[in-house]
Amino acid sequence: MIQLAALRIVLADDHAIVRMGFRLLVEGAGAHVVAEADSGEAAVAAWNEHRPDVLIMDVSMPGIGGLGALERLLAHHPQARVLMLSAHEDTQIPARALQAGATGYLSKRAHPDTLLRAIADVASGRRYLDPELAPKLALARLGGGTNPVDVLTGKEFSVFLQLARGRSVAEVAETLKLSTSTVGTHLYHIKQKLNASNAAELALIAVRAGLVDA
C-alpha cells in the first residue's frame, strides 16, 4: 500500500459515510485527517484554519459547491493543493476543475490505491488526472463544439450551475455573495453565450452536458 507519510488532510464531502470511508483509507496509509467539511463554505473555512497538505473535496456539495469553493480558495491561496472528486463520468466537470486550478481530479469509482496515489502526487505538487478520464478529456477537446465549460467565465459557470439546479436569481445571489443585479448581468451573458432564452433551456443544456442530474 502507498504510504502517505503523516500528511495533513482535510476531507470535504456532504455524505458522512463517504468521509468515514476516506478517513479510514487515508489514515490507514499514514495520513492524518485534521478536519472534515460538508459544504463548500465549510471546506474553505477548514482549509483556512488548518492549512492542510491536501484538501480532498467532492464536486457536488451544498452551498457554493466544490467548484465554487475551489475558485474561492485559490483566489486567496493559489498555493493550495486540492484533489477534486466526483461520481460523474462526464468531461465537463473535470475540465472546469482543472481550469480553475485543481491540482488533481479523480472519479469516486477509482480503486483505493489510485486514490492514495493521487493524494501522494497532489501533496508533492504534481498534477493528477484520473487515468480513465484523461483520454475522454482529450477526445472532447478534439471533438470541438460549444459547451458551457468552454464559453463561460468561471463566475458565469458558477451562476449557470446554480440556475440550472432551479435556484432563483435571489437565491443564487445569496449563495454566491453577489448582488442580484450582478447575477442578472451574468444571467444575460450566459443566455447570450449558450443561446438560451429561459431557465428551462439552461437546465436542459446542463443536463445534456452531464453537469446536473435530469
C-alpha atoms as a PDB file:
ATOM      1  CA  MET A   1       0.000   0.000   0.000  1.00  0.00           C
ATOM      2  CA  ILE A   2       1.153   3.535  -0.788  1.00  0.00           C
ATOM      3  CA  GLN A   3       2.205   5.373   2.374  1.00  0.00           C
ATOM      4  CA  LEU A   4       1.181   8.994   2.893  1.00  0.00           C
ATOM      5  CA  ALA A   5       3.867   9.813   5.472  1.00  0.00           C
ATOM      6  CA  ALA A   6       1.902  11.807   8.054  1.00  0.00           C
ATOM      7  CA  LEU A   7       0.272  14.126   5.514  1.00  0.00           C
ATOM      8  CA  ARG A   8      -2.306  16.508   6.982  1.00  0.00           C
ATOM      9  CA  ILE A   9      -5.595  16.261   5.108  1.00  0.00           C
ATOM     10  CA  VAL A  10      -8.989  17.971   5.117  1.00  0.00           C
ATOM     11  CA  LEU A  11     -11.896  15.873   3.797  1.00  0.00           C
ATOM     12  CA  ALA A  12     -14.859  17.683   2.240  1.00  0.00           C
ATOM     13  CA  ASP A  13     -17.945  15.678   1.262  1.00  0.00           C
ATOM     14  CA  ASP A  14     -21.573  16.150   2.249  1.00  0.00           C
ATOM     15  CA  HIS A  15     -22.047  12.431   2.973  1.00  0.00           C
ATOM     16  CA  ALA A  16     -20.751  11.415   6.409  1.00  0.00           C
ATOM     17  CA  ILE A  17     -20.400   7.763   5.477  1.00  0.00           C
ATOM     18  CA  VAL A  18     -18.224   8.688   2.481  1.00  0.00           C
ATOM     19  CA  ARG A  19     -15.986  10.843   4.691  1.00  0.00           C
ATOM     20  CA  MET A  20     -15.673   7.963   7.136  1.00  0.00           C
ATOM     21  CA  GLY A  21     -14.554   5.628   4.367  1.00  0.00           C
ATOM     22  CA  PHE A  22     -11.993   8.119   3.101  1.00  0.00           C
ATOM     23  CA  ARG A  23     -10.740   8.730   6.654  1.00  0.00           C
ATOM     24  CA  LEU A  24     -10.207   5.015   7.296  1.00  0.00           C
ATOM     25  CA  LEU A  25      -8.368   4.655   3.995  1.00  0.00           C
ATOM     26  CA  VAL A  26      -6.026   7.627   4.260  1.00  0.00           C
ATOM     27  CA  GLU A  27      -5.293   7.238   7.966  1.00  0.00           C
ATOM     28  CA  GLY A  28      -4.585   3.565   7.333  1.00  0.00           C
ATOM     29  CA  ALA A  29      -1.924   4.780   4.890  1.00  0.00           C
ATOM     30  CA  GLY A  30      -0.306   7.052   7.487  1.00  0.00           C
ATOM     31  CA  ALA A  31      -2.041  10.389   6.848  1.00  0.00           C
ATOM     32  CA  HIS A  32      -3.855  12.427   9.480  1.00  0.00           C
ATOM     33  CA  VAL A  33      -7.307  13.903   8.817  1.00  0.00           C
ATOM     34  CA  VAL A  34      -7.244  17.262  10.619  1.00  0.00           C
ATOM     35  CA  ALA A  35     -10.804  18.309   9.728  1.00  0.00           C
ATOM     36  CA  GLU A  36     -13.942  17.359   7.814  1.00  0.00           C
ATOM     37  CA  ALA A  37     -16.410  19.582   5.958  1.00  0.00           C
ATOM     38  CA  ASP A  38     -19.873  19.020   4.491  1.00  0.00           C
ATOM     39  CA  SER A  39     -20.268  22.112   2.287  1.00  0.00           C
ATOM     40  CA  GLY A  40     -18.209  24.344   0.046  1.00  0.00           C
ATOM     41  CA  GLU A  41     -18.092  27.152   2.601  1.00  0.00           C
ATOM     42  CA  ALA A  42     -17.069  24.746   5.376  1.00  0.00           C
ATOM     43  CA  ALA A  43     -14.292  23.346   3.187  1.00  0.00           C
ATOM     44  CA  VAL A  44     -12.797  26.813   2.647  1.00  0.00           C
ATOM     45  CA  ALA A  45     -13.067  27.578   6.369  1.00  0.00           C
ATOM     46  CA  ALA A  46     -11.405  24.258   7.280  1.00  0.00           C
ATOM     47  CA  TRP A  47      -8.528  24.920   4.899  1.00  0.00           C
ATOM     48  CA  ASN A  48      -8.053  28.420   6.309  1.00  0.00           C
ATOM     49  CA  GLU A  49      -7.974  27.082   9.861  1.00  0.00           C
ATOM     50  CA  HIS A  50      -5.725  24.064   9.345  1.00  0.00           C
ATOM     51  CA  ARG A  51      -3.685  24.801   6.177  1.00  0.00           C
ATOM     52  CA  PRO A  52      -3.515  21.096   5.254  1.00  0.00           C
ATOM     53  CA  ASP A  53      -1.111  19.461   2.818  1.00  0.00           C
ATOM     54  CA  VAL A  54      -4.086  18.371   0.710  1.00  0.00           C
ATOM     55  CA  LEU A  55      -7.781  19.249   0.561  1.00  0.00           C
ATOM     56  CA  ILE A  56      -9.797  16.327  -0.794  1.00  0.00           C
ATOM     57  CA  MET A  57     -13.096  17.793  -1.961  1.00  0.00           C
ATOM     58  CA  ASP A  58     -16.239  16.482  -3.642  1.00  0.00           C
ATOM     59  CA  VAL A  59     -17.537  18.496  -6.581  1.00  0.00           C
ATOM     60  CA  SER A  60     -21.212  18.235  -5.563  1.00  0.00           C
ATOM     61  CA  MET A  61     -21.888  19.750  -2.142  1.00  0.00           C
ATOM     62  CA  PRO A  62     -24.405  22.210  -0.644  1.00  0.00           C
ATOM     63  CA  GLY A  63     -23.867  25.959  -0.747  1.00  0.00           C
ATOM     64  CA  ILE A  64     -21.322  27.178  -3.257  1.00  0.00           C
ATOM     65  CA  GLY A  65     -20.372  23.556  -4.010  1.00  0.00           C
ATOM     66  CA  GLY A  66     -16.947  22.098  -4.603  1.00  0.00           C
ATOM     67  CA  LEU A  67     -16.144  24.141  -7.722  1.00  0.00           C
ATOM     68  CA  GLY A  68     -17.219  27.379  -6.072  1.00  0.00           C
ATOM     69  CA  ALA A  69     -15.125  26.526  -3.017  1.00  0.00           C
ATOM     70  CA  LEU A  70     -12.149  25.711  -5.242  1.00  0.00           C
ATOM     71  CA  GLU A  71     -12.356  29.069  -7.011  1.00  0.00           C
ATOM     72  CA  ARG A  72     -12.839  30.977  -3.750  1.00  0.00           C
ATOM     73  CA  LEU A  73      -9.929  29.203  -2.058  1.00  0.00           C
ATOM     74  CA  LEU A  74      -7.453  29.555  -4.910  1.00  0.00           C
ATOM     75  CA  ALA A  75      -8.331  33.215  -5.391  1.00  0.00           C
ATOM     76  CA  HIS A  76      -6.779  33.883  -1.977  1.00  0.00           C
ATOM     77  CA  HIS A  77      -4.408  30.915  -1.638  1.00  0.00           C
ATOM     78  CA  PRO A  78      -3.147  29.882  -5.085  1.00  0.00           C
ATOM     79  CA  GLN A  79      -0.639  27.533  -3.453  1.00  0.00           C
ATOM     80  CA  ALA A  80      -3.399  25.324  -2.007  1.00  0.00           C
ATOM     81  CA  ARG A  81      -3.268  21.739  -3.215  1.00  0.00           C
ATOM     82  CA  VAL A  82      -6.740  20.400  -3.939  1.00  0.00           C
ATOM     83  CA  LEU A  83      -7.785  16.957  -5.145  1.00  0.00           C
ATOM     84  CA  MET A  84     -11.315  17.113  -6.559  1.00  0.00           C
ATOM     85  CA  LEU A  85     -13.546  14.025  -6.538  1.00  0.00           C
ATOM     86  CA  SER A  86     -16.769  13.336  -8.402  1.00  0.00           C
ATOM     87  CA  ALA A  87     -19.193  10.489  -9.043  1.00  0.00           C
ATOM     88  CA  HIS A  88     -19.952  11.923 -12.504  1.00  0.00           C
ATOM     89  CA  GLU A  89     -18.299  10.383 -15.553  1.00  0.00           C
ATOM     90  CA  ASP A  90     -18.638  13.400 -17.860  1.00  0.00           C
ATOM     91  CA  THR A  91     -15.722  15.547 -19.027  1.00  0.00           C
ATOM     92  CA  GLN A  92     -17.303  18.934 -18.276  1.00  0.00           C
ATOM     93  CA  ILE A  93     -16.675  18.966 -14.536  1.00  0.00           C
ATOM     94  CA  PRO A  94     -13.038  17.788 -14.588  1.00  0.00           C
ATOM     95  CA  ALA A  95     -12.268  20.278 -17.366  1.00  0.00           C
ATOM     96  CA  ARG A  96     -13.699  23.120 -15.290  1.00  0.00           C
ATOM     97  CA  ALA A  97     -11.967  21.933 -12.103  1.00  0.00           C
ATOM     98  CA  LEU A  98      -8.577  21.769 -13.808  1.00  0.00           C
ATOM     99  CA  GLN A  99      -9.116  25.140 -15.482  1.00  0.00           C
ATOM    100  CA  ALA A 100      -9.969  26.598 -12.073  1.00  0.00           C
ATOM    101  CA  GLY A 101      -6.659  25.343 -10.681  1.00  0.00           C
ATOM    102  CA  ALA A 102      -7.326  21.984  -9.027  1.00  0.00           C
ATOM    103  CA  THR A 103      -4.099  20.050  -8.577  1.00  0.00           C
ATOM    104  CA  GLY A 104      -5.841  16.750  -9.246  1.00  0.00           C
ATOM    105  CA  TYR A 105      -9.133  15.187 -10.276  1.00  0.00           C
ATOM    106  CA  LEU A 106     -10.340  11.649  -9.602  1.00  0.00           C
ATOM    107  CA  SER A 107     -13.549   9.672 -10.060  1.00  0.00           C
ATOM    108  CA  LYS A 108     -15.090   8.251  -6.889  1.00  0.00           C
ATOM    109  CA  ARG A 109     -15.231   4.939  -8.729  1.00  0.00           C
ATOM    110  CA  ALA A 110     -11.437   4.725  -8.693  1.00  0.00           C
ATOM    111  CA  HIS A 111      -9.616   1.931  -6.859  1.00  0.00           C
ATOM    112  CA  PRO A 112      -8.481   2.844  -3.306  1.00  0.00           C
ATOM    113  CA  ASP A 113      -4.827   2.507  -4.336  1.00  0.00           C
ATOM    114  CA  THR A 114      -5.468   5.007  -7.127  1.00  0.00           C
ATOM    115  CA  LEU A 115      -6.857   7.475  -4.598  1.00  0.00           C
ATOM    116  CA  LEU A 116      -3.763   7.099  -2.427  1.00  0.00           C
ATOM    117  CA  ARG A 117      -1.519   7.622  -5.469  1.00  0.00           C
ATOM    118  CA  ALA A 118      -3.480  10.734  -6.406  1.00  0.00           C
ATOM    119  CA  ILE A 119      -3.154  12.141  -2.883  1.00  0.00           C
ATOM    120  CA  ALA A 120       0.588  11.471  -2.844  1.00  0.00           C
ATOM    121  CA  ASP A 121       1.067  13.182  -6.213  1.00  0.00           C
ATOM    122  CA  VAL A 122      -1.055  16.202  -5.284  1.00  0.00           C
ATOM    123  CA  ALA A 123       0.760  16.585  -1.951  1.00  0.00           C
ATOM    124  CA  SER A 124       4.026  16.709  -3.891  1.00  0.00           C
ATOM    125  CA  GLY A 125       2.661  19.426  -6.156  1.00  0.00           C
ATOM    126  CA  ARG A 126       2.276  17.157  -9.171  1.00  0.00           C
ATOM    127  CA  ARG A 127      -0.891  17.355 -11.287  1.00  0.00           C
ATOM    128  CA  TYR A 128      -3.020  14.201 -11.255  1.00  0.00           C
ATOM    129  CA  LEU A 129      -5.852  13.284 -13.597  1.00  0.00           C
ATOM    130  CA  ASP A 130      -7.885  10.093 -13.369  1.00  0.00           C
ATOM    131  CA  PRO A 131      -6.325   7.739 -15.951  1.00  0.00           C
ATOM    132  CA  GLU A 132      -9.770   6.754 -17.255  1.00  0.00           C
ATOM    133  CA  LEU A 133     -10.840  10.374 -17.728  1.00  0.00           C
ATOM    134  CA  ALA A 134      -7.689  11.595 -19.462  1.00  0.00           C
ATOM    135  CA  PRO A 135      -8.456  10.118 -22.913  1.00  0.00           C
ATOM    136  CA  LYS A 136     -12.090  11.276 -22.690  1.00  0.00           C
ATOM    137  CA  LEU A 137     -10.939  14.821 -21.983  1.00  0.00           C
ATOM    138  CA  ALA A 138      -8.549  14.685 -24.919  1.00  0.00           C
ATOM    139  CA  LEU A 139     -11.283  13.418 -27.251  1.00  0.00           C
ATOM    140  CA  ALA A 140     -13.695  16.075 -26.013  1.00  0.00           C
ATOM    141  CA  ARG A 141     -11.154  18.764 -26.859  1.00  0.00           C
ATOM    142  CA  LEU A 142     -10.563  17.286 -30.316  1.00  0.00           C
ATOM    143  CA  GLY A 143     -14.280  16.959 -30.944  1.00  0.00           C
ATOM    144  CA  GLY A 144     -14.813  20.709 -30.783  1.00  0.00           C
ATOM    145  CA  GLY A 145     -18.284  22.198 -30.386  1.00  0.00           C
ATOM    146  CA  THR A 146     -19.615  24.709 -27.887  1.00  0.00           C
ATOM    147  CA  ASN A 147     -20.223  23.736 -24.309  1.00  0.00           C
ATOM    148  CA  PRO A 148     -20.661  25.675 -21.052  1.00  0.00           C
ATOM    149  CA  VAL A 149     -17.116  24.913 -19.885  1.00  0.00           C
ATOM    150  CA  ASP A 150     -15.564  26.436 -22.992  1.00  0.00           C
ATOM    151  CA  VAL A 151     -17.657  29.573 -23.391  1.00  0.00           C
ATOM    152  CA  LEU A 152     -18.448  30.749 -19.836  1.00  0.00           C
ATOM    153  CA  THR A 153     -16.132  32.540 -17.439  1.00  0.00           C
ATOM    154  CA  GLY A 154     -15.559  30.992 -14.019  1.00  0.00           C
ATOM    155  CA  LYS A 155     -18.106  33.231 -12.311  1.00  0.00           C
ATOM    156  CA  GLU A 156     -20.641  32.754 -15.117  1.00  0.00           C
ATOM    157  CA  PHE A 157     -20.205  28.991 -14.856  1.00  0.00           C
ATOM    158  CA  SER A 158     -20.882  29.093 -11.101  1.00  0.00           C
ATOM    159  CA  VAL A 159     -24.041  31.137 -11.665  1.00  0.00           C
ATOM    160  CA  PHE A 160     -25.085  28.855 -14.541  1.00  0.00           C
ATOM    161  CA  LEU A 161     -24.824  25.724 -12.367  1.00  0.00           C
ATOM    162  CA  GLN A 162     -26.912  27.287  -9.608  1.00  0.00           C
ATOM    163  CA  LEU A 163     -29.607  28.459 -12.014  1.00  0.00           C
ATOM    164  CA  ALA A 164     -29.648  25.110 -13.813  1.00  0.00           C
ATOM    165  CA  ARG A 165     -30.411  23.445 -10.480  1.00  0.00           C
ATOM    166  CA  GLY A 166     -33.564  25.523 -10.163  1.00  0.00           C
ATOM    167  CA  ARG A 167     -32.297  28.318  -7.920  1.00  0.00           C
ATOM    168  CA  SER A 168     -33.802  31.771  -8.308  1.00  0.00           C
ATOM    169  CA  VAL A 169     -31.681  34.842  -9.029  1.00  0.00           C
ATOM    170  CA  ALA A 170     -32.131  35.941  -5.406  1.00  0.00           C
ATOM    171  CA  GLU A 171     -31.061  32.531  -4.100  1.00  0.00           C
ATOM    172  CA  VAL A 172     -28.014  32.482  -6.364  1.00  0.00           C
ATOM    173  CA  ALA A 173     -27.068  35.973  -5.213  1.00  0.00           C
ATOM    174  CA  GLU A 174     -27.267  34.917  -1.568  1.00  0.00           C
ATOM    175  CA  THR A 175     -25.326  31.680  -2.105  1.00  0.00           C
ATOM    176  CA  LEU A 176     -22.520  33.256  -4.140  1.00  0.00           C
ATOM    177  CA  LYS A 177     -22.428  36.508  -2.103  1.00  0.00           C
ATOM    178  CA  LEU A 178     -23.292  38.664  -5.118  1.00  0.00           C
ATOM    179  CA  SER A 179     -25.865  41.378  -5.695  1.00  0.00           C
ATOM    180  CA  THR A 180     -28.999  40.399  -7.576  1.00  0.00           C
ATOM    181  CA  SER A 181     -28.112  42.905 -10.303  1.00  0.00           C
ATOM    182  CA  THR A 182     -24.714  41.234 -10.771  1.00  0.00           C
ATOM    183  CA  VAL A 183     -26.359  37.815 -11.038  1.00  0.00           C
ATOM    184  CA  GLY A 184     -28.832  39.296 -13.521  1.00  0.00           C
ATOM    185  CA  THR A 185     -25.954  40.594 -15.632  1.00  0.00           C
ATOM    186  CA  HIS A 186     -24.252  37.188 -15.538  1.00  0.00           C
ATOM    187  CA  LEU A 187     -27.564  35.556 -16.500  1.00  0.00           C
ATOM    188  CA  TYR A 188     -27.899  37.848 -19.520  1.00  0.00           C
ATOM    189  CA  HIS A 189     -24.400  36.944 -20.734  1.00  0.00           C
ATOM    190  CA  ILE A 190     -24.965  33.243 -20.038  1.00  0.00           C
ATOM    191  CA  LYS A 191     -28.138  33.215 -22.141  1.00  0.00           C
ATOM    192  CA  GLN A 192     -26.346  35.041 -24.950  1.00  0.00           C
ATOM    193  CA  LYS A 193     -23.380  32.666 -24.954  1.00  0.00           C
ATOM    194  CA  LEU A 194     -25.462  29.478 -24.687  1.00  0.00           C
ATOM    195  CA  ASN A 195     -28.252  30.685 -26.978  1.00  0.00           C
ATOM    196  CA  ALA A 196     -30.860  30.031 -24.284  1.00  0.00           C
ATOM    197  CA  SER A 197     -33.996  32.082 -23.689  1.00  0.00           C
ATOM    198  CA  ASN A 198     -35.146  30.875 -20.272  1.00  0.00           C
ATOM    199  CA  ALA A 199     -34.268  28.873 -17.161  1.00  0.00           C
ATOM    200  CA  ALA A 200     -35.737  25.654 -18.553  1.00  0.00           C
ATOM    201  CA  GLU A 201     -33.397  25.791 -21.540  1.00  0.00           C
ATOM    202  CA  LEU A 202     -30.439  26.433 -19.246  1.00  0.00           C
ATOM    203  CA  ALA A 203     -31.402  23.380 -17.206  1.00  0.00           C
ATOM    204  CA  LEU A 204     -31.668  21.276 -20.361  1.00  0.00           C
ATOM    205  CA  ILE A 205     -28.216  22.386 -21.513  1.00  0.00           C
ATOM    206  CA  ALA A 206     -26.784  21.457 -18.104  1.00  0.00           C
ATOM    207  CA  VAL A 207     -28.432  18.019 -18.193  1.00  0.00           C
ATOM    208  CA  ARG A 208     -27.203  17.307 -21.728  1.00  0.00           C
ATOM    209  CA  ALA A 209     -23.693  18.316 -20.687  1.00  0.00           C
ATOM    210  CA  GLY A 210     -23.836  15.964 -17.703  1.00  0.00           C
ATOM    211  CA  LEU A 211     -23.469  18.819 -15.223  1.00  0.00           C
ATOM    212  CA  VAL A 212     -26.688  18.175 -13.311  1.00  0.00           C
ATOM    213  CA  ASP A 213     -28.943  15.145 -12.950  1.00  0.00           C
ATOM    214  CA  ALA A 214     -32.121  15.003 -15.005  1.00  0.00           C
END
